[in-house]
Protein backbone atom coordinates (compact mmCIF):
# COMPACT_ATOMS: atom_id res chain seq x y z
CA UNK A 1 -2.37 103.55 -20.45
CA UNK A 2 -3.32 101.18 -17.65
CA UNK A 3 -7.00 100.21 -17.55
CA UNK A 4 -8.75 100.94 -14.20
CA UNK A 5 -9.57 97.87 -12.13
CA UNK A 6 -13.11 96.58 -11.74
CA UNK A 7 -13.04 97.68 -8.08
CA UNK A 8 -12.01 101.20 -9.02
CA UNK A 9 -14.81 101.49 -11.58
CA UNK A 10 -17.36 100.34 -9.02
CA UNK A 11 -16.02 102.86 -6.48
CA UNK A 12 -16.37 105.71 -9.00
CA UNK A 13 -19.95 104.69 -9.74
CA UNK A 14 -20.72 104.52 -6.02
CA UNK A 15 -19.33 108.01 -5.45
CA UNK A 16 -21.38 109.39 -8.37
CA UNK A 17 -24.56 107.79 -6.93
CA UNK A 18 -23.96 108.92 -3.34
CA UNK A 19 -25.22 112.51 -3.77
CA UNK A 20 -28.38 111.26 -5.51
CA UNK A 21 -29.01 108.75 -2.72
CA UNK A 22 -28.50 111.42 -0.06
CA UNK A 23 -30.94 113.73 -1.83
CA UNK A 24 -33.52 110.93 -2.10
CA UNK A 25 -33.20 110.09 1.60
CA UNK A 26 -33.48 113.76 2.58
CA UNK A 27 -36.49 114.19 0.32
CA UNK A 28 -38.10 111.09 1.85
CA UNK A 29 -37.62 112.51 5.34
CA UNK A 30 -39.15 115.83 4.29
CA UNK A 31 -42.13 114.11 2.66
CA UNK A 32 -42.68 111.99 5.79
CA UNK A 33 -42.48 115.08 8.00
CA UNK A 34 -44.99 116.95 5.81
CA UNK A 35 -47.40 113.99 5.81
CA UNK A 36 -47.01 113.65 9.58
CA UNK A 37 -47.84 117.31 10.13
CA UNK A 38 -50.82 117.24 7.76
CA UNK A 39 -52.20 113.87 8.89
CA UNK A 40 -51.46 114.53 12.54
CA UNK A 41 -50.74 112.42 15.64
CA UNK A 42 -53.59 109.97 14.94
CA UNK A 43 -51.92 108.98 11.68
CA UNK A 44 -48.55 108.56 13.37
CA UNK A 45 -50.10 106.40 16.07
CA UNK A 46 -51.93 104.24 13.52
CA UNK A 47 -48.71 103.73 11.54
CA UNK A 48 -46.86 102.71 14.70
CA UNK A 49 -49.61 100.23 15.59
CA UNK A 50 -49.55 98.72 12.07
CA UNK A 51 -45.76 98.36 12.21
CA UNK A 52 -45.92 96.57 15.56
CA UNK A 53 -48.63 94.23 14.29
CA UNK A 54 -46.56 93.32 11.24
CA UNK A 55 -43.54 92.64 13.45
CA UNK A 56 -45.69 90.26 15.51
CA UNK A 57 -47.10 88.55 12.40
CA UNK A 58 -50.64 89.72 13.17
CA UNK A 59 -53.35 91.03 10.85
CA UNK A 60 -56.55 92.91 11.67
CA UNK A 61 -59.92 91.29 10.93
CA UNK A 62 -63.56 91.83 11.83
CA UNK A 63 -66.38 89.32 12.19
CA UNK A 64 -70.07 89.51 13.07
CA UNK A 65 -70.89 87.46 16.17
CA UNK A 66 -74.53 87.33 17.30
CA UNK A 67 -75.32 90.97 18.16
CA UNK A 68 -71.80 92.42 17.90
CA UNK A 69 -69.08 93.05 15.35
CA UNK A 70 -65.78 91.96 16.85
CA UNK A 71 -62.40 93.29 15.72
CA UNK A 72 -59.47 90.96 16.30
CA UNK A 73 -55.82 90.33 15.49
CA UNK A 74 -54.89 86.95 14.02
CA UNK A 75 -51.56 85.45 13.03
CA UNK A 76 -49.21 82.50 13.26
CA UNK A 77 -50.08 78.84 12.90
CA UNK A 78 -50.55 75.76 15.03
CA UNK A 79 -52.63 75.33 18.16
CA UNK A 80 -54.75 78.38 18.92
CA UNK A 81 -54.10 80.84 21.75
CA UNK A 82 -56.81 83.41 22.48
CA UNK A 83 -55.73 86.51 24.43
CA UNK A 84 -58.20 88.70 26.36
CA UNK A 85 -57.37 92.27 27.41
CA UNK A 86 -58.50 94.09 30.54
CA UNK A 87 -60.99 96.89 31.22
CA UNK A 88 -60.48 99.98 29.09
CA UNK A 89 -57.71 98.25 27.13
CA UNK A 90 -57.77 96.62 23.70
CA UNK A 91 -56.30 93.90 21.52
CA UNK A 92 -52.99 95.69 20.87
CA UNK A 93 -52.06 95.40 24.54
CA UNK A 94 -50.89 91.91 23.53
CA UNK A 95 -48.95 92.77 20.36
CA UNK A 96 -45.43 92.87 21.84
CA UNK A 97 -46.12 89.68 23.78
CA UNK A 98 -47.63 87.94 20.74
CA UNK A 99 -44.51 88.33 18.59
CA UNK A 100 -42.87 85.61 20.73
CA UNK A 101 -45.82 83.25 20.24
CA UNK A 102 -46.71 83.43 16.55
CA UNK A 103 -43.73 81.28 15.51
CA UNK A 104 -45.25 78.43 17.54
CA UNK A 105 -49.01 79.07 17.79
CA UNK A 106 -51.88 80.72 16.02
CA UNK A 107 -52.60 83.82 18.11
CA UNK A 108 -56.03 85.47 18.21
CA UNK A 109 -56.49 88.69 20.21
CA UNK A 110 -59.98 90.20 20.07
CA UNK A 111 -61.30 93.51 21.24
CA UNK A 112 -63.84 92.33 23.78
CA UNK A 113 -67.37 93.44 22.86
CA UNK A 114 -67.86 97.02 24.03
CA UNK A 115 -64.14 97.85 23.85
CA UNK A 116 -61.65 99.03 21.24
CA UNK A 117 -62.88 98.68 17.68
CA UNK A 118 -65.57 96.12 18.55
CA UNK A 119 -69.14 97.36 18.69
CA UNK A 120 -71.08 98.43 21.76
CA UNK A 121 -74.83 97.71 21.90
CA UNK A 122 -76.91 100.03 24.03
CA UNK A 123 -78.89 98.07 26.61
CA UNK A 124 -76.82 94.89 26.24
CA UNK A 125 -75.28 93.08 29.21
CA UNK A 126 -71.50 93.15 29.49
CA UNK A 127 -71.34 91.17 32.70
CA UNK A 128 -68.54 88.63 33.00
CA UNK A 129 -70.58 85.51 32.19
CA UNK A 130 -72.19 87.19 29.16
CA UNK A 131 -68.77 88.15 27.82
CA UNK A 132 -67.63 84.54 28.33
CA UNK A 133 -70.60 83.33 26.29
CA UNK A 134 -69.78 85.83 23.56
CA UNK A 135 -66.23 84.46 23.55
CA UNK A 136 -67.66 81.00 22.89
CA UNK A 137 -69.72 82.36 19.99
CA UNK A 138 -66.64 84.21 18.66
CA UNK A 139 -64.56 81.01 18.71
CA UNK A 140 -67.41 79.15 17.01
CA UNK A 141 -67.57 81.78 14.27
CA UNK A 142 -63.84 81.27 13.64
CA UNK A 143 -64.23 77.49 13.65
CA UNK A 144 -62.07 77.08 16.77
CA UNK A 145 -63.29 74.25 18.98
CA UNK A 146 -60.54 74.07 21.60
CA UNK A 147 -57.75 76.48 22.49
CA UNK A 148 -55.30 77.86 25.01
CA UNK A 149 -56.78 80.87 26.78
CA UNK A 150 -55.04 83.78 28.51
CA UNK A 151 -56.45 86.95 30.01
CA UNK A 152 -55.24 90.00 31.87
CA UNK A 153 -57.18 91.81 34.60
CA UNK A 154 -60.90 91.74 33.68
CA UNK A 155 -59.95 89.61 30.67
CA UNK A 156 -58.46 87.08 33.09
CA UNK A 157 -61.71 86.91 35.02
CA UNK A 158 -63.61 86.35 31.77
CA UNK A 159 -61.11 83.62 30.85
CA UNK A 160 -61.62 81.97 34.23
CA UNK A 161 -65.39 82.15 33.85
CA UNK A 162 -65.11 80.65 30.37
CA UNK A 163 -63.11 77.75 31.82
CA UNK A 164 -65.93 77.18 34.33
CA UNK A 165 -68.68 77.29 31.69
CA UNK A 166 -66.85 75.44 28.89
CA UNK A 167 -64.21 73.18 30.51
CA UNK A 168 -63.97 70.91 27.48
CA UNK A 169 -62.84 73.80 25.25
CA UNK A 170 -59.84 75.02 27.27
CA UNK A 171 -56.48 73.34 26.61
CA UNK A 172 -54.75 75.50 29.18
CA UNK A 173 -55.53 78.66 31.13
CA UNK A 174 -53.25 81.62 31.89
CA UNK A 175 -54.45 84.23 34.39
CA UNK A 176 -52.40 87.44 34.32
CA UNK A 177 -53.01 89.84 37.25
CA UNK A 178 -56.69 88.99 37.00
CA UNK A 179 -59.76 90.20 38.83
CA UNK A 180 -62.30 87.77 40.23
CA UNK A 181 -61.10 87.12 43.79
CA UNK A 182 -60.81 89.08 47.02
CA UNK A 183 -57.19 89.94 47.74
CA UNK A 184 -56.05 89.27 51.33
CA UNK A 185 -54.30 92.64 51.08
CA UNK A 186 -56.09 95.62 49.56
CA UNK A 187 -54.41 97.08 46.48
CA UNK A 188 -53.39 100.73 46.13
CA UNK A 189 -56.16 101.43 43.61
CA UNK A 190 -58.92 100.10 45.86
CA UNK A 191 -57.48 102.04 48.80
CA UNK A 192 -57.42 105.25 46.76
CA UNK A 193 -61.00 104.81 45.53
CA UNK A 194 -62.21 104.25 49.09
CA UNK A 195 -60.49 107.52 50.02
CA UNK A 196 -62.67 109.22 47.42
CA UNK A 197 -60.13 109.55 44.60
CA UNK A 198 -61.28 109.14 40.99
CA UNK A 199 -61.17 105.67 39.47
CA UNK A 200 -57.97 105.41 37.38
CA UNK A 201 -59.75 103.02 35.01
CA UNK A 202 -61.69 105.97 33.55
CA UNK A 203 -59.44 108.53 31.81
CA UNK A 204 -60.58 112.01 30.74
CA UNK A 205 -57.34 114.05 30.65
CA UNK A 206 -53.59 113.68 30.15
CA UNK A 207 -53.13 114.07 33.90
CA UNK A 208 -55.52 111.17 34.52
CA UNK A 209 -53.79 109.16 31.78
CA UNK A 210 -50.45 109.64 33.55
CA UNK A 211 -52.08 108.66 36.84
CA UNK A 212 -53.40 105.45 35.30
CA UNK A 213 -49.98 104.61 33.87
CA UNK A 214 -48.50 104.94 37.35
CA UNK A 215 -50.91 102.26 38.53
CA UNK A 216 -50.28 99.98 35.54
CA UNK A 217 -46.48 100.01 35.23
CA UNK A 218 -43.41 100.01 37.43
CA UNK A 219 -41.30 101.13 34.46
CA UNK A 220 -43.56 103.17 32.23
CA UNK A 221 -43.07 103.24 28.46
CA UNK A 222 -42.02 106.58 27.04
CA UNK A 223 -45.05 108.06 25.29
CA UNK A 224 -44.81 111.49 23.62
CA UNK A 225 -47.30 114.09 24.83
CA UNK A 226 -49.04 114.38 21.44
CA UNK A 227 -49.66 110.60 21.42
CA UNK A 228 -51.05 110.78 24.96
CA UNK A 229 -53.52 113.41 23.77
CA UNK A 230 -54.68 111.09 20.99
CA UNK A 231 -55.14 108.22 23.45
CA UNK A 232 -57.08 110.47 25.83
CA UNK A 233 -59.31 111.63 22.95
CA UNK A 234 -60.03 107.97 22.12
CA UNK A 235 -60.85 107.29 25.77
CA UNK A 236 -63.24 110.25 25.83
CA UNK A 237 -64.97 108.94 22.70
CA UNK A 238 -65.57 105.65 24.51
CA UNK A 239 -66.14 107.04 28.00
CA UNK A 240 -69.92 106.55 28.09
CA UNK A 241 -69.71 102.89 27.07
CA UNK A 242 -66.85 102.25 29.50
CA UNK A 243 -68.80 103.78 32.38
CA UNK A 244 -71.78 101.56 31.51
CA UNK A 245 -69.62 98.44 31.45
CA UNK A 246 -67.83 99.45 34.65
CA UNK A 247 -71.15 99.85 36.45
CA UNK A 248 -72.16 96.33 35.35
CA UNK A 249 -68.89 94.60 36.19
CA UNK A 250 -67.80 96.32 39.42
CA UNK A 251 -70.22 94.29 41.59
CA UNK A 252 -68.69 91.12 40.07
CA UNK A 253 -65.07 91.94 40.77
CA UNK A 254 -64.77 89.02 43.25
CA UNK A 255 -67.40 86.76 41.66
CA UNK A 256 -65.02 84.12 40.26
CA UNK A 257 -63.73 83.04 43.66
CA UNK A 258 -66.64 80.69 44.58
CA UNK A 259 -66.19 78.89 41.23
CA UNK A 260 -62.41 78.40 41.31
CA UNK A 261 -62.82 74.75 42.29
CA UNK A 262 -64.75 74.15 39.06
CA UNK A 263 -61.79 75.09 36.87
CA UNK A 264 -60.30 71.86 35.48
CA UNK A 265 -57.84 73.28 32.96
CA UNK A 266 -54.10 73.29 33.60
CA UNK A 267 -53.61 76.79 34.96
CA UNK A 268 -50.69 79.20 35.14
CA UNK A 269 -50.96 82.36 37.23
CA UNK A 270 -48.66 85.23 36.21
CA UNK A 271 -48.43 88.31 38.44
CA UNK A 272 -46.42 91.49 38.74
CA UNK A 273 -44.97 91.65 42.24
CA UNK A 274 -45.62 95.41 42.45
CA UNK A 275 -49.12 95.41 40.94
CA UNK A 276 -50.93 98.42 42.40
CA UNK A 277 -54.32 97.49 40.96
CA UNK A 278 -54.62 93.88 42.08
CA UNK A 279 -52.34 93.06 44.98
CA UNK A 280 -49.99 90.10 44.57
CA UNK A 281 -51.63 88.43 47.59
CA UNK A 282 -54.41 87.42 45.15
CA UNK A 283 -52.08 84.70 43.86
CA UNK A 284 -52.47 82.61 47.01
CA UNK A 285 -56.27 82.75 46.71
CA UNK A 286 -56.15 81.55 43.11
CA UNK A 287 -53.64 78.79 43.84
CA UNK A 288 -55.63 77.53 46.81
CA UNK A 289 -58.81 77.52 44.74
CA UNK A 290 -57.62 76.00 41.44
CA UNK A 291 -56.31 72.46 41.76
CA UNK A 292 -52.73 72.11 40.53
CA UNK A 293 -52.33 75.76 39.53
CA UNK A 294 -48.75 77.01 39.27
CA UNK A 295 -47.62 80.62 39.64
CA UNK A 296 -44.90 82.94 38.40
CA UNK A 297 -44.37 86.26 40.17
CA UNK A 298 -42.31 88.82 38.25
CA UNK A 299 -40.25 91.15 40.48
CA UNK A 300 -40.36 94.90 39.84
CA UNK A 301 -43.33 94.51 37.50
CA UNK A 302 -46.82 96.00 37.54
CA UNK A 303 -50.33 95.10 36.43
CA UNK A 304 -49.63 94.33 32.77
CA UNK A 305 -46.59 91.98 32.55
CA UNK A 306 -47.35 91.14 28.91
CA UNK A 307 -46.78 94.83 28.06
CA UNK A 308 -44.10 95.74 30.61
CA UNK A 309 -42.03 92.54 30.30
CA UNK A 310 -43.36 90.86 27.12
CA UNK A 311 -40.40 88.58 26.32
CA UNK A 312 -40.02 87.28 29.87
CA UNK A 313 -43.77 86.78 30.28
CA UNK A 314 -44.00 84.99 26.95
CA UNK A 315 -41.14 82.67 27.90
CA UNK A 316 -43.02 81.52 31.01
CA UNK A 317 -46.25 81.08 29.06
CA UNK A 318 -44.56 79.14 26.24
CA UNK A 319 -42.92 76.75 28.70
CA UNK A 320 -46.23 76.26 30.44
CA UNK A 321 -48.20 75.60 27.27
CA UNK A 322 -45.53 73.15 26.17
CA UNK A 323 -46.12 71.23 29.40
CA UNK A 324 -43.05 72.36 31.36
CA UNK A 325 -44.55 75.11 33.50
CA UNK A 326 -42.37 76.98 35.96
CA UNK A 327 -43.36 76.52 39.59
CA UNK A 328 -41.83 79.73 40.91
CA UNK A 329 -44.07 81.49 43.38
């Protein structure tokens, strides 16, 4: 009798294992579904966030800095890049963008004091200059003397103010759809607020969340309704602190403009052409004020290019930090 070939034996073993593997996979799916139902949308969201952080090579840390505890993401190696989020946002706004940087740089993305998982101190000042000083103390606590600095929206204004206060510490500066200057053309958000509409920066319902997303993105990410409800619940938990900070910072929304000439760092301005929060005409003000600043304007993009077009935005930033900045404008 002819002996079966090695290949035939392996095939028989594979076929015998297949039902067991299928059962194990099905059981795993059932267990995941049960856990998801029991733990709820918050658990699903937290798992998604952890997965995205791992993909970007980032880990969560916390550190005490003067009067605040600051939560931050940290990963990669090499020269340091610190990333600052905007009002009402948090450190994970940079996660998709950061995955393109961590192979080349050490990336640090904090929750600014008063936002996200960082602490809020009743009675403290969260004005732009005070946040810039806290950033200096945060970098000191991490032993970082000099670094590349990027910020979006309010975070961009804080980054610009930091470059004014601590010019020797900034290797390069990236301003992404930042506040701080008066736009020659009023943005849609400012126009709506002057008409008496609610400020889209403060979210208290799913409807308001959707409204804010319309201002932030040209092409919105697909977010399931149950995740939106979790995000709105988080916003409601932080609403009082956000309203306090908004009241302090709103009068300063154009306060960086007089100091633009004091910025000495190599500067890249990145802007979404269809930004409805800060009109693209702000770019000319920043370029005229900051000596040697270059600009990149992304077509069909909104207020948060690092979230809407992370790979493209990162490519421009990487070229700039390497000393070959694009001069498109």
